[in-house]
Protein backbone atom coordinates (compact mmCIF):
# COMPACT_ATOMS: atom_id res chain seq x y z
CA MET A 1 120.77 83.56 60.21
CA MET A 2 117.50 81.77 59.54
CA GLU A 3 116.14 81.86 55.99
CA VAL A 4 112.55 81.68 54.79
CA LYS A 5 110.93 81.57 51.38
CA VAL A 6 109.71 84.74 49.71
CA VAL A 7 106.41 84.04 47.99
CA ASP A 8 104.21 85.98 45.62
CA ARG A 9 100.44 86.51 45.88
CA GLU A 10 99.80 83.09 44.33
CA GLY A 11 102.03 81.34 46.85
CA ARG A 12 104.87 80.69 44.37
CA GLU A 13 108.42 80.87 45.70
CA LYS A 14 110.32 83.90 44.39
CA GLY A 15 113.50 83.68 46.42
CA ARG A 16 114.83 83.55 49.94
CA ALA A 17 115.02 86.12 52.71
CA GLY A 18 117.17 86.09 55.81
CA LEU A 19 115.70 86.63 59.25
CA ASP A 20 118.12 88.59 61.42
CA ASP A 21 118.97 86.72 64.62
CA PHE A 22 118.66 89.98 66.56
CA PHE A 23 114.91 90.04 65.88
CA PHE A 24 114.02 86.42 65.17
CA ALA A 25 116.40 84.34 67.32
CA ALA A 26 116.46 86.39 70.51
CA PRO A 27 116.17 84.78 73.96
CA VAL A 28 112.48 84.60 74.84
CA ASN A 29 111.78 86.71 77.92
CA VAL A 30 108.26 85.82 79.07
CA PRO A 31 108.04 88.29 82.01
CA VAL A 32 108.96 91.22 79.75
CA MET A 33 106.42 90.13 77.12
CA HIS A 34 103.79 89.94 79.86
CA LEU A 35 104.69 93.45 81.00
CA ALA A 36 104.48 94.81 77.44
CA VAL A 37 101.06 93.20 76.90
CA ARG A 38 99.80 94.63 80.21
CA ARG A 39 101.06 98.04 79.15
CA GLN A 40 99.19 97.98 75.84
CA LEU A 41 95.93 96.69 77.32
CA ALA A 42 96.11 99.24 80.13
CA ALA A 43 96.73 102.09 77.67
CA ALA A 44 93.56 101.09 75.80
CA ARG A 45 91.40 101.64 78.90
CA SER A 46 89.61 104.99 78.89
CA GLY A 47 89.62 105.42 82.66
CA SER A 48 86.55 107.65 82.40
CA ALA A 49 84.35 105.89 85.00
CA SER A 50 83.10 108.49 87.45
CA THR A 51 80.74 108.53 90.43
CA LYS A 52 79.57 111.28 92.80
CA GLU A 53 80.34 111.26 96.48
CA ARG A 54 77.84 112.40 99.07
CA SER A 55 79.01 116.01 98.95
CA GLN A 56 78.64 116.15 95.15
CA VAL A 57 75.03 114.92 94.84
CA ARG A 58 72.52 117.68 94.26
CA GLY A 59 69.91 118.40 96.93
CA GLY A 60 69.59 117.06 100.44
CA GLY A 61 70.10 120.30 102.30
CA VAL A 62 66.97 119.79 104.39
CA LYS A 63 66.37 116.99 106.86
CA PRO A 64 63.74 114.71 105.21
CA TRP A 65 61.60 114.39 108.36
CA ARG A 66 61.87 115.14 112.01
CA GLN A 67 64.15 113.05 114.16
CA LYS A 68 61.50 111.37 116.31
CA GLY A 69 57.88 110.41 116.25
CA THR A 70 57.43 109.28 112.64
CA GLY A 71 58.14 105.59 113.17
CA ARG A 72 60.73 105.70 110.43
CA ALA A 73 64.50 105.43 110.75
CA ARG A 74 66.18 108.73 111.45
CA ALA A 75 67.58 110.43 108.33
CA GLY A 76 69.57 113.60 107.89
CA SER A 77 69.88 113.92 104.13
CA ILE A 78 68.58 112.36 100.92
CA ARG A 79 72.20 112.39 99.70
CA SER A 80 73.07 109.55 102.07
CA PRO A 81 74.68 106.53 100.36
CA LEU A 82 71.86 104.45 101.87
CA TRP A 83 69.31 106.22 99.70
CA ARG A 84 68.51 105.63 96.08
CA GLY A 85 70.10 108.48 94.14
CA GLY A 86 72.43 109.27 97.00
CA GLY A 87 76.19 109.47 96.93
CA THR A 88 78.49 106.53 96.22
CA VAL A 89 81.02 105.33 98.78
CA PHE A 90 84.52 104.64 97.41
CA GLY A 91 83.22 104.69 93.82
CA PRO A 92 85.47 104.97 90.75
CA HIS A 93 86.81 108.30 89.54
CA PRO A 94 88.59 109.25 86.29
CA ARG A 95 92.13 107.88 86.31
CA ASP A 96 95.01 107.03 84.03
CA TYR A 97 95.64 103.29 83.75
CA ARG A 98 98.84 103.58 81.74
CA ILE A 99 101.87 101.56 82.89
CA LYS A 100 105.38 102.80 82.28
CA VAL A 101 107.62 100.30 80.49
CA ASN A 102 111.12 101.27 79.42
CA LYS A 103 111.89 101.47 75.70
CA LYS A 104 114.55 98.75 75.96
CA GLU A 105 112.03 96.43 77.62
CA ARG A 106 109.46 97.10 74.90
CA ARG A 107 112.00 96.32 72.21
CA LEU A 108 113.07 93.14 74.01
CA ALA A 109 109.44 92.05 74.33
CA LEU A 110 108.82 92.57 70.60
CA ARG A 111 111.98 90.65 69.69
CA SER A 112 110.93 87.84 72.03
CA ALA A 113 107.47 87.63 70.44
CA LEU A 114 108.88 87.59 66.91
CA SER A 115 111.40 84.92 67.95
CA VAL A 116 108.57 82.73 69.28
CA ARG A 117 106.75 82.93 65.93
CA ALA A 118 110.00 82.30 64.00
CA ARG A 119 110.76 79.16 66.02
CA GLU A 120 107.24 77.93 65.29
CA GLY A 121 107.80 78.50 61.56
CA ARG A 122 104.99 81.05 61.41
CA ILE A 123 106.85 83.93 59.77
CA VAL A 124 105.96 84.47 56.09
CA VAL A 125 107.66 86.89 53.71
CA LEU A 126 105.53 88.15 50.83
CA GLU A 127 106.60 89.95 47.66
CA ASP A 128 105.65 93.63 47.74
CA PHE A 129 102.29 94.34 46.17
CA THR A 130 99.73 97.09 45.79
CA MET A 131 95.97 97.22 45.31
CA GLU A 132 94.20 99.71 43.07
CA GLN A 133 91.15 99.69 45.30
CA PRO A 134 90.03 97.96 48.52
CA ARG A 135 88.86 94.41 47.81
CA THR A 136 88.31 92.11 50.78
CA ARG A 137 87.65 89.12 48.53
CA GLU A 138 91.01 89.58 46.83
CA MET A 139 92.82 89.72 50.17
CA ALA A 140 91.00 86.61 51.38
CA GLY A 141 92.13 84.83 48.21
CA LEU A 142 95.72 85.88 48.89
CA PHE A 143 95.64 84.33 52.36
CA ARG A 144 94.09 81.14 50.94
CA ALA A 145 96.84 80.94 48.32
CA LEU A 146 99.42 81.19 51.11
CA GLU A 147 97.52 78.47 53.04
CA LEU A 148 97.18 80.66 56.10
CA GLU A 149 94.39 80.09 58.60
CA GLY A 150 93.50 81.63 61.93
CA ASN A 151 94.62 85.05 63.10
CA ILE A 152 96.93 86.73 60.57
CA LEU A 153 99.05 89.85 61.05
CA LEU A 154 100.15 91.57 57.83
CA VAL A 155 103.08 93.97 58.31
CA LEU A 156 103.50 96.75 55.72
CA PRO A 157 106.46 99.11 55.17
CA GLU A 158 104.16 102.15 55.25
CA GLU A 159 100.47 102.87 55.47
CA ASP A 160 98.50 101.70 52.43
CA ALA A 161 94.81 102.56 52.75
CA ASN A 162 93.63 100.07 50.10
CA ILE A 163 95.41 97.11 51.71
CA ILE A 164 94.43 98.10 55.25
CA LEU A 165 90.76 98.44 54.26
CA SER A 166 90.90 95.10 52.41
CA VAL A 167 92.22 93.34 55.51
CA ARG A 168 89.96 95.10 57.99
CA ASN A 169 86.79 93.16 57.18
CA LEU A 170 88.45 89.74 57.41
CA PRO A 171 87.81 88.06 60.78
CA GLY A 172 91.04 87.55 62.69
CA ALA A 173 93.17 89.55 60.21
CA LEU A 174 95.03 92.78 60.95
CA ALA A 175 97.34 95.02 58.93
CA LEU A 176 99.95 97.22 60.61
CA THR A 177 102.94 99.25 59.50
CA VAL A 178 106.43 98.45 60.81
CA GLU A 179 106.20 101.45 63.16
CA GLU A 180 102.96 100.08 64.64
CA LEU A 181 104.27 96.55 65.15
CA ASN A 182 103.89 95.54 68.80
CA THR A 183 104.19 92.57 71.14
CA TYR A 184 100.47 92.14 71.81
CA ASP A 185 99.40 91.86 68.16
CA VAL A 186 102.29 89.49 67.35
CA LEU A 187 101.30 87.18 70.20
CA CYS A 188 97.62 87.34 69.24
CA SER A 189 98.41 86.29 65.66
CA GLU A 190 99.07 82.73 64.56
CA TRP A 191 100.87 83.95 61.43
CA VAL A 192 103.00 87.06 60.92
CA VAL A 193 103.28 88.05 57.25
CA PHE A 194 105.93 90.60 56.29
CA THR A 195 106.17 92.16 52.88
CA ARG A 196 109.75 92.12 51.65
CA ARG A 197 110.20 95.87 52.15
CA ALA A 198 108.63 95.74 55.61
CA LEU A 199 111.11 93.05 56.66
CA GLU A 200 114.02 95.08 55.26
CA LYS A 201 112.77 98.18 57.08
CA LEU A 202 112.46 96.31 60.38
CA GLN A 203 115.89 94.74 60.14
CA GLY A 204 117.56 97.76 58.61
CA GLY A 205 116.76 100.40 61.20
CA GLY A 206 115.62 98.56 64.34
CA GLN A 207 112.42 99.77 65.83
CA ASP A 208 110.32 100.33 68.88
CA GLU A 209 106.73 99.47 69.58
CA GLY A 210 104.59 102.19 68.12
CA SER A 211 101.08 102.69 69.50
CA ALA A 212 101.30 100.10 72.27
């Protein structure tokens, strides 16, 4: 079992925490991670694009002009796709972009992503803390004290509105609960910061990707 330091908000070491091999030393399965990322990005698409076909465009029941003698090309309806405001040929319609990925594959993808970050030494365990009110400056100071730069993912044991709001305005930073932890956000983050209780919750009960 790999061990990492547990640090407080000032970056001082407060102990050691073990990283379960099941989550942080799993074989890295790149195809499954790719599938899980595709699934999450596809689920985020609204699929609401819609166009009207020729039969759905209003008007056009009368032939615009007679067939011959006008010098213009023959036309039968203003709803023709050749006309401005006419119907669209093979245009998009509302659809569901979601991709089905089995639960075991999603779990394997998350374990693979966490294992990648663990091998890179980019897993940080932080002493549990609370905030009396949202303060972005205070959260930025915490990340500076931990010497973290780039995209940072903070994993919480449960939803804490003050911490989530404090993280939200920091560029490249994101706060999620253990239930919301997913492959895409782990791979998009250069650092994954667990609070001590969040790490215990992850390793204690196992978990599946939440909103992915």
